[in-house]
Each structure stands twice: as C-alpha cells, then as structure tokens.
Amino acid sequence: MNYIGSKYSLRDFLEAGILKNVNADCKVFCDVFAGTGAVGVHFKQKNFKIISNDIQYYAYCLNRALVGINRIPSFSGILDDLIPAAQSCDTIDTVLEYLNNLNGKSGFIYRNYCPGGTEGTEFKRQYFSDENGRRCDAIRMQIEEWWQANKLTEDEYFYLLASLIDAADRVANTASVYGAFLKHIKKSAMKPLQLKRLAIVESDEEHEIHNVNGQELVERLSCDVLYMDPPYNHRQYCANYHVLETIARYDDPDLKGVTGLRPQDDQKSDFCMKRRALPAFDNMVKKTSARYVFLSYNSEGIMGKDEILQTMGQYGQVDLMTRDYQRFRADVDRENRVYKADQVEEYLFCLNKQ
C-alpha cells in the first residue's frame, strides 16, 4: 500500500539505528503505531518477538495477518467445499481463485462508494468502479459467511481480510488517500479487483497484535524496545483511510457528507493536535517499561526536534539519526499544490531509558 508515513523504504535506516543502540539480549519489540506493519514484519524477520498495535481496524487486520501469522494457513475447513477430495492443489491459490471468481453483489460498498450505487442520491461517490465495488462486497460477504459458520481459523480469517484490504486499495479511485475520490475513474481503478497471496514470515515466536489506543497500551506492556511512529501532522488516519476501515469492519455505519465519512471520534489521535501531541508523547515515554524508546518523526512534524530531544532527555541518554527522504505526495496534479521542498529530513530519536 502507498501509505502515508510508511517506513517500508526506510527499513534499513531504522534497522541500523535500532540495532546499533540496543543490547543483543533485547528480544521483545513493540510497534505501537503499526500502520500497515512494514516495521513489525521487518523486525519479525530479525527474530524479535513483535507486539504490534494500531487503533485502526484495517491496520489491525493487516498486522494480524502479516505479523501474527507464522505459517501459511491450510484452509482445511473450506477446501472440501471448493475442490474434489482426491484432487491435489495449492490451497492458497484455490481459495483466492474461488473468491476472485465470485459473481459480484450489490452490498454496502457498491451502494455507498460507487457511482452506480450512489446515482440519484445526495452525494454521488466513486471510490471504486461499479464492478470492483460489487466484487469487494461479494468477497467480503463470503469471508464473513465462512467465519460465522466456523469454517475458518482466526489466522485464515485475517489472512483473507488482509488480502482483500490490500486488493481494494490497489484499485481505489483516489490519489492515494480516501479523503476524496477522483472526478473520473483512473486507469488503475478500472482493473479488476483481485486477491493476491500474502508473504508470510515464518517464526517460532508468539507475536501479539492489538487494536487499541497506543497511549493506553504502553503502560500495560512489557517489552525491551518501544518503537513509536505516530502521526506527524493534523491529518487524522481515521479520515484518510475510512473506506478501508469500513471494508474491514463491514459494519454498515451511518455515513456523512460528500466523502461518506464513518463515525470516528474514538479513533482520533492526540498526535494530530498541536497542543496535545507533546504531552501525549511525554506520557508514553514516561510510562513505558521499555529500556529503549525509538521515535520516527520528520522535520515538518507538529512536534519540534528540540522539544522532542528535551522531552526524551528527561528519562535518559538520547541520540538522533537523520536522513533526507522523499516527501509523500498524494496529489495527482502536483502543480496545484505548493510544497516547501521535495525532501524532508527524517528523524530517528533513540532513548536509552535510565
């Protein structure tokens, strides 16, 4: 996913900064604002036990699959319904092919986020083509039907949900985020929605995945390393990715306005508010039991570099690593958007808490 604040392309930078600072006996790594799980997956590969958390449910689904699953699911509870018992096949491909070939259904996604479904209503929306909206509904309904019939394990359920979230995002008719949809269906949004295999990292650790407010979670957790990658600016993730949240939950929410926002007051982050960000950060650093605290941030964030250094310095020895980084752009027509610079300075603050 082309995700705001994703650290996928900064994994080597983070690995170098974190492993340089922590002792070799540190085994438990907490990714408290996990997003799409890029950092958690990376450090899972480094043989850490991962505690992953995000308040957004779509992000929880992604982390529950990519971090929480240690072996490829067998889908034994549904294979007999899909193929003859004597036939040999790849189980993942069989399940995904079955879902990809379902006839579309006019469910909640089609009725609320597609041009055909919203035709004649107060707000005509086109987050997806009509075909892809129906495909998304059909797949989401089938996954839930299997789950409610106890034909899927928890790993299998979240594997399929994560695959659907990823697939829907690839064909979304947006300029990356869901704060708005495009006026015309773009070329990539016309491609058929297709579930694809997820890359599962094998592990012998029992990883923990949470779906709560990270500020409330840190004081309850025991970990060696606390990694924090909170929002940097005023844009709330619950608004930027509300459509993916609805696909994940499939809970028929009451939608509001042109963009069809779902209720989200309980998901808003203090880190998106100037007067609340620094006190929230201070409170998390103070309450965590982790010996090492790392903060990813950048030069245009709500909290200033000196403020962060001063706050962390109250609790131990602080180091700072920096790297120039290409700015995230969600705009299709970049000429109509004024930016201060093409690059920002990415920060990794490192605290050895004493």
Protein backbone atom coordinates (compact mmCIF):
# COMPACT_ATOMS: atom_id res chain seq x y z
CA MET A 1 0.00 0.00 0.00
CA ASN A 2 1.07 3.57 -0.74
CA TYR A 3 0.56 4.54 2.88
CA ILE A 4 1.15 7.94 4.48
CA GLY A 5 4.16 7.72 6.77
CA SER A 6 5.07 4.19 5.69
CA LYS A 7 8.57 3.23 6.72
CA TYR A 8 8.90 0.49 4.11
CA SER A 9 11.65 2.31 2.20
CA LEU A 10 13.36 3.31 5.46
CA ARG A 11 13.70 -0.19 6.90
CA ASP A 12 17.49 -0.29 6.51
CA PHE A 13 17.82 3.14 8.15
CA LEU A 14 15.66 2.02 11.09
CA GLU A 15 17.44 -1.32 11.43
CA ALA A 16 20.85 0.35 11.55
CA GLY A 17 19.74 2.90 14.12
CA ILE A 18 17.90 0.47 16.36
CA LEU A 19 20.29 -2.47 16.34
CA LYS A 20 23.24 -0.11 16.92
CA ASN A 21 21.68 1.14 20.14
CA VAL A 22 20.09 -1.91 21.79
CA ASN A 23 21.74 -4.77 23.62
CA ALA A 24 21.85 -8.17 21.95
CA ASP A 25 19.67 -9.67 24.70
CA CYS A 26 16.70 -7.47 23.74
CA LYS A 27 14.03 -9.80 22.33
CA VAL A 28 10.64 -8.03 22.54
CA PHE A 29 9.92 -5.24 20.05
CA CYS A 30 6.72 -3.18 20.39
CA ASP A 31 5.47 -1.34 17.28
CA VAL A 32 2.78 0.75 18.96
CA PHE A 33 1.60 2.75 15.89
CA ALA A 34 1.98 -0.09 13.44
CA GLY A 35 0.12 1.12 10.34
CA THR A 36 0.48 -1.45 7.56
CA GLY A 37 3.05 -3.45 9.54
CA ALA A 38 6.19 -2.76 7.48
CA VAL A 39 8.38 -2.22 10.54
CA GLY A 40 6.91 -5.10 12.54
CA VAL A 41 7.39 -7.53 9.66
CA HIS A 42 10.98 -6.37 9.20
CA PHE A 43 11.92 -6.92 12.83
CA LYS A 44 9.98 -10.18 12.88
CA GLN A 45 12.49 -11.31 10.25
CA LYS A 46 15.24 -10.31 12.70
CA ASN A 47 13.86 -12.86 15.20
CA PHE A 48 12.26 -10.41 17.62
CA LYS A 49 9.01 -11.19 19.35
CA ILE A 50 6.71 -8.49 17.99
CA ILE A 51 3.95 -6.67 19.84
CA SER A 52 2.03 -4.80 17.17
CA ASN A 53 -0.76 -2.28 17.74
CA ASP A 54 -2.89 0.16 15.79
CA ILE A 55 -6.19 1.83 16.67
CA GLN A 56 -7.44 1.47 13.08
CA TYR A 57 -9.11 -1.89 12.49
CA TYR A 58 -7.95 -2.22 8.88
CA ALA A 59 -4.38 -1.81 10.16
CA TYR A 60 -5.04 -4.39 12.87
CA CYS A 61 -6.22 -6.82 10.15
CA LEU A 62 -3.04 -6.27 8.14
CA ASN A 63 -0.79 -6.74 11.18
CA ARG A 64 -2.80 -9.71 12.44
CA ALA A 65 -2.02 -11.41 9.14
CA LEU A 66 1.48 -10.22 8.27
CA VAL A 67 2.91 -10.20 11.79
CA GLY A 68 0.60 -12.55 13.66
CA ILE A 69 0.59 -15.50 11.24
CA ASN A 70 3.72 -17.67 11.35
CA ARG A 71 2.76 -20.43 8.90
CA ILE A 72 0.77 -20.48 5.66
CA PRO A 73 -2.86 -21.32 6.60
CA SER A 74 -4.25 -24.63 5.39
CA PHE A 75 -7.92 -23.61 4.90
CA SER A 76 -8.90 -27.20 5.62
CA GLY A 77 -12.38 -26.18 6.75
CA ILE A 78 -13.42 -24.97 3.30
CA LEU A 79 -11.31 -26.93 0.81
CA ASP A 80 -13.77 -29.80 0.61
CA ASP A 81 -16.40 -27.28 -0.50
CA LEU A 82 -14.16 -25.91 -3.24
CA ILE A 83 -12.41 -28.90 -4.81
CA PRO A 84 -12.88 -32.69 -5.14
CA ALA A 85 -11.35 -34.53 -2.20
CA ALA A 86 -8.90 -36.50 -4.35
CA GLN A 87 -7.57 -33.51 -6.28
CA SER A 88 -4.17 -32.11 -5.33
CA CYS A 89 -3.71 -28.35 -5.46
CA ASP A 90 -2.16 -25.32 -3.83
CA THR A 91 -4.59 -24.42 -1.06
CA ILE A 92 -3.96 -20.66 -1.03
CA ASP A 93 -4.32 -20.35 -4.80
CA THR A 94 -7.51 -22.41 -4.71
CA VAL A 95 -9.18 -20.23 -2.08
CA LEU A 96 -8.11 -16.96 -3.68
CA GLU A 97 -9.18 -18.12 -7.14
CA TYR A 98 -12.59 -19.10 -5.81
CA LEU A 99 -13.08 -15.69 -4.21
CA ASN A 100 -11.77 -13.84 -7.27
CA ASN A 101 -14.32 -15.62 -9.46
CA LEU A 102 -17.39 -14.90 -7.34
CA ASN A 103 -20.27 -13.08 -9.01
CA GLY A 104 -20.49 -9.52 -7.77
CA LYS A 105 -23.09 -8.44 -5.20
CA SER A 106 -24.63 -5.03 -4.62
CA GLY A 107 -23.71 -4.71 -0.96
CA PHE A 108 -22.67 -1.82 1.27
CA ILE A 109 -19.53 -0.89 -0.69
CA TYR A 110 -21.35 -0.73 -4.02
CA ARG A 111 -24.34 1.13 -2.59
CA ASN A 112 -22.25 3.79 -0.83
CA TYR A 113 -18.89 4.15 -2.58
CA CYS A 114 -19.59 3.51 -6.28
CA PRO A 115 -21.15 5.75 -8.97
CA GLY A 116 -23.92 3.27 -9.82
CA GLY A 117 -24.85 2.64 -6.22
CA THR A 118 -24.99 6.33 -5.32
CA GLU A 119 -26.67 7.52 -8.53
CA GLY A 120 -29.59 9.80 -7.70
CA THR A 121 -28.56 10.23 -4.06
CA GLU A 122 -27.46 13.46 -2.37
CA PHE A 123 -23.80 12.50 -2.69
CA LYS A 124 -22.61 10.59 -5.73
CA ARG A 125 -19.33 8.85 -4.86
CA GLN A 126 -16.83 6.90 -6.95
CA TYR A 127 -14.15 5.44 -4.74
CA PHE A 128 -14.42 2.25 -6.83
CA SER A 129 -15.78 1.28 -10.21
CA ASP A 130 -19.19 -0.40 -10.03
CA GLU A 131 -17.66 -3.75 -10.95
CA ASN A 132 -14.99 -3.56 -8.26
CA GLY A 133 -17.46 -2.37 -5.63
CA ARG A 134 -19.62 -5.43 -6.30
CA ARG A 135 -16.58 -7.72 -6.33
CA CYS A 136 -15.46 -6.31 -2.99
CA ASP A 137 -18.92 -6.87 -1.49
CA ALA A 138 -19.14 -10.45 -2.76
CA ILE A 139 -15.71 -11.39 -1.39
CA ARG A 140 -16.28 -9.65 1.94
CA MET A 141 -19.66 -11.37 2.38
CA GLN A 142 -18.20 -14.80 1.56
CA ILE A 143 -15.33 -14.37 4.03
CA GLU A 144 -17.80 -13.43 6.76
CA GLU A 145 -20.12 -16.32 5.88
CA TRP A 146 -17.26 -18.81 6.25
CA TRP A 147 -16.18 -17.18 9.51
CA GLN A 148 -19.65 -17.22 11.04
CA ALA A 149 -20.03 -20.89 10.01
CA ASN A 150 -16.77 -21.73 11.87
CA LYS A 151 -15.11 -22.86 8.64
CA LEU A 152 -12.11 -20.56 9.07
CA THR A 153 -9.50 -20.38 11.79
CA GLU A 154 -8.66 -16.92 13.11
CA ASP A 155 -5.42 -16.92 11.09
CA GLU A 156 -7.33 -17.82 7.93
CA TYR A 157 -9.98 -15.16 8.51
CA PHE A 158 -7.45 -12.37 8.89
CA TYR A 159 -5.32 -13.67 6.02
CA LEU A 160 -8.31 -13.23 3.71
CA LEU A 161 -9.34 -9.87 5.18
CA ALA A 162 -5.81 -8.53 4.79
CA SER A 163 -5.67 -9.75 1.21
CA LEU A 164 -8.99 -8.02 0.45
CA ILE A 165 -7.92 -4.73 2.06
CA ASP A 166 -4.73 -4.78 0.00
CA ALA A 167 -6.61 -5.67 -3.18
CA ALA A 168 -9.23 -2.96 -2.69
CA ASP A 169 -6.57 -0.33 -2.13
CA ARG A 170 -4.82 -1.24 -5.39
CA VAL A 171 -7.97 -0.41 -7.41
CA ALA A 172 -9.24 2.55 -5.38
CA ASN A 173 -10.12 5.63 -7.44
CA THR A 174 -8.16 8.02 -5.26
CA ALA A 175 -4.91 9.98 -5.22
CA SER A 176 -3.66 7.53 -2.58
CA VAL A 177 -5.73 8.55 0.47
CA TYR A 178 -9.50 8.39 0.92
CA GLY A 179 -10.07 11.98 1.96
CA ALA A 180 -11.50 12.42 -1.54
CA PHE A 181 -12.20 10.44 -4.70
CA LEU A 182 -11.23 11.39 -8.24
CA LYS A 183 -13.70 13.01 -10.64
CA HIS A 184 -13.05 10.37 -13.29
CA ILE A 185 -12.23 6.67 -12.93
CA LYS A 186 -8.47 6.40 -13.40
CA LYS A 187 -6.83 3.61 -15.39
CA SER A 188 -5.61 1.58 -12.41
CA ALA A 189 -9.08 1.73 -10.82
CA MET A 190 -10.56 0.08 -13.92
CA LYS A 191 -8.51 -3.07 -13.40
CA PRO A 192 -10.50 -5.89 -11.77
CA LEU A 193 -10.08 -6.31 -8.03
CA GLN A 194 -8.00 -9.45 -7.46
CA LEU A 195 -6.89 -11.02 -4.20
CA LYS A 196 -3.20 -11.93 -4.15
CA ARG A 197 -1.10 -14.13 -1.90
CA LEU A 198 0.38 -12.52 1.18
CA ALA A 199 4.02 -13.02 2.04
CA ILE A 200 4.09 -14.74 5.43
CA VAL A 201 7.27 -14.62 7.51
CA GLU A 202 7.78 -17.91 9.35
CA SER A 203 8.55 -17.56 13.04
CA ASP A 204 8.56 -19.62 16.22
CA GLU A 205 7.61 -16.63 18.39
CA GLU A 206 4.07 -15.99 19.58
CA HIS A 207 3.52 -12.43 18.43
CA GLU A 208 0.88 -10.15 19.96
CA ILE A 209 -1.44 -7.97 17.88
CA HIS A 210 -3.61 -5.29 19.49
CA ASN A 211 -6.31 -2.89 18.28
CA VAL A 212 -6.42 -0.19 20.96
CA ASN A 213 -5.25 3.35 21.68
CA GLY A 214 -1.47 3.15 21.85
CA GLN A 215 -1.30 5.74 24.63
CA GLU A 216 -3.29 3.44 26.89
CA LEU A 217 -1.42 0.30 25.85
CA VAL A 218 2.21 1.15 26.62
CA GLU A 219 1.96 1.09 30.41
CA ARG A 220 0.35 -2.38 30.30
CA LEU A 221 3.03 -3.94 28.12
CA SER A 222 6.36 -5.49 28.98
CA CYS A 223 8.87 -5.00 26.17
CA ASP A 224 12.54 -4.29 25.60
CA VAL A 225 12.12 -1.89 22.68
CA LEU A 226 9.27 0.58 22.16
CA TYR A 227 9.14 1.90 18.60
CA MET A 228 6.84 4.87 18.01
CA ASP A 229 5.76 6.14 14.59
CA PRO A 230 2.79 8.42 15.39
CA PRO A 231 1.03 10.81 13.00
CA TYR A 232 3.20 13.81 12.15
CA ASN A 233 0.56 16.37 11.13
CA HIS A 234 -3.08 17.40 11.53
CA ARG A 235 -4.50 14.82 9.11
CA GLN A 236 -6.21 12.02 11.00
CA TYR A 237 -5.68 8.49 9.70
CA CYS A 238 -9.29 7.61 10.51
CA ALA A 239 -10.40 10.15 7.89
CA ASN A 240 -7.68 9.38 5.36
CA TYR A 241 -8.46 5.64 5.29
CA HIS A 242 -12.12 5.49 6.33
CA VAL A 243 -13.17 3.40 3.32
CA LEU A 244 -10.66 0.66 4.18
CA GLU A 245 -11.94 0.76 7.77
CA THR A 246 -15.48 0.12 6.52
CA ILE A 247 -14.36 -2.75 4.28
CA ALA A 248 -12.52 -4.32 7.22
CA ARG A 249 -15.35 -3.92 9.73
CA TYR A 250 -18.23 -4.26 7.23
CA ASP A 251 -20.49 -2.89 9.92
CA ASP A 252 -22.96 -0.78 7.88
CA PRO A 253 -22.03 2.56 9.51
CA ASP A 254 -24.00 5.77 9.08
CA LEU A 255 -22.02 7.76 6.53
CA LYS A 256 -21.82 11.53 6.36
CA GLY A 257 -21.00 14.11 3.72
CA VAL A 258 -19.60 14.04 0.22
CA THR A 259 -16.85 11.56 1.08
CA GLY A 260 -19.02 9.26 3.20
CA LEU A 261 -17.07 9.52 6.45
CA ARG A 262 -17.92 6.94 9.12
CA PRO A 263 -18.17 7.83 12.84
CA GLN A 264 -14.59 8.20 14.04
CA ASP A 265 -14.37 10.29 17.21
CA ASP A 266 -12.98 7.33 19.18
CA GLN A 267 -10.12 6.92 16.68
CA LYS A 268 -8.76 10.45 16.56
CA SER A 269 -5.15 10.81 17.66
CA ASP A 270 -3.74 13.39 20.07
CA PHE A 271 -0.61 13.36 17.91
CA CYS A 272 -2.56 15.24 15.21
CA MET A 273 -3.20 18.18 17.56
CA LYS A 274 -0.50 20.75 18.35
CA ARG A 275 -1.43 21.30 21.99
CA ARG A 276 -1.84 17.60 22.76
CA ALA A 277 0.97 15.92 20.82
CA LEU A 278 3.94 16.67 23.07
CA PRO A 279 2.12 15.89 26.38
CA ALA A 280 0.89 12.61 24.87
CA PHE A 281 4.40 11.71 23.77
CA ASP A 282 5.88 12.61 27.17
CA ASN A 283 3.29 10.46 28.91
CA MET A 284 4.06 7.42 26.75
CA VAL A 285 7.83 7.72 27.25
CA LYS A 286 7.35 8.12 30.99
CA LYS A 287 5.00 5.16 31.40
CA THR A 288 6.64 2.52 29.21
CA SER A 289 8.66 -0.23 30.85
CA ALA A 290 10.85 -0.48 27.74
CA ARG A 291 14.53 0.20 28.24
CA TYR A 292 14.85 1.63 24.73
CA VAL A 293 12.42 4.07 23.10
CA PHE A 294 12.69 4.99 19.42
CA LEU A 295 10.65 7.70 17.71
CA SER A 296 10.32 8.10 13.95
CA TYR A 297 9.46 11.66 13.01
CA ASN A 298 10.40 14.31 10.47
CA SER A 299 11.36 17.95 10.09
CA GLU A 300 7.81 19.09 9.30
CA GLY A 301 6.06 17.38 12.19
CA ILE A 302 3.84 19.09 14.77
CA MET A 303 6.44 18.49 17.48
CA GLY A 304 9.77 20.26 17.04
CA LYS A 305 13.11 18.48 17.09
CA ASP A 306 14.35 20.39 20.14
CA GLU A 307 11.09 19.75 22.01
CA ILE A 308 11.43 16.03 21.39
CA LEU A 309 15.07 15.94 22.48
CA GLN A 310 14.25 17.85 25.66
CA THR A 311 11.30 15.59 26.47
CA MET A 312 13.22 12.35 25.94
CA GLY A 313 16.27 13.73 27.72
CA GLN A 314 14.34 13.78 30.99
CA TYR A 315 14.41 9.98 31.02
CA GLY A 316 17.89 9.02 29.89
CA GLN A 317 20.53 9.30 27.18
CA VAL A 318 19.25 10.47 23.78
CA ASP A 319 20.75 10.07 20.32
CA LEU A 320 19.43 11.34 16.98
CA MET A 321 19.93 9.94 13.50
CA THR A 322 18.77 11.82 10.40
CA ARG A 323 18.28 11.07 6.73
CA ASP A 324 16.93 13.04 3.77
CA TYR A 325 13.74 11.47 2.50
CA GLN A 326 11.40 11.99 -0.48
CA ARG A 327 8.18 13.74 0.51
CA PHE A 328 4.96 11.74 0.41
CA ARG A 329 2.66 13.16 -2.25
CA ALA A 330 -0.97 12.18 -2.65
CA ASP A 331 -1.75 14.76 -5.33
CA VAL A 332 -2.41 13.81 -8.93
CA ASP A 333 -1.80 17.35 -10.22
CA ARG A 334 1.25 18.41 -8.24
CA GLU A 335 1.41 21.81 -9.93
CA ASN A 336 -1.67 22.87 -7.95
CA ARG A 337 -0.10 22.06 -4.59
CA VAL A 338 2.68 24.17 -3.07
CA TYR A 339 5.29 22.32 -1.02
CA LYS A 340 8.16 23.80 0.96
CA ALA A 341 10.59 21.26 -0.51
CA ASP A 342 10.73 17.97 -2.38
CA GLN A 343 12.51 16.31 0.53
CA VAL A 344 12.11 16.30 4.28
CA GLU A 345 14.58 15.29 6.95
CA GLU A 346 13.61 12.00 8.53
CA TYR A 347 14.46 11.61 12.22
CA LEU A 348 15.07 8.57 14.37
CA PHE A 349 15.29 9.59 18.04
CA CYS A 350 16.91 6.94 20.25
CA LEU A 351 16.44 6.90 24.02
CA ASN A 352 18.29 4.61 26.43
CA LYS A 353 15.88 4.98 29.32
CA GLN A 354 17.51 5.07 32.75
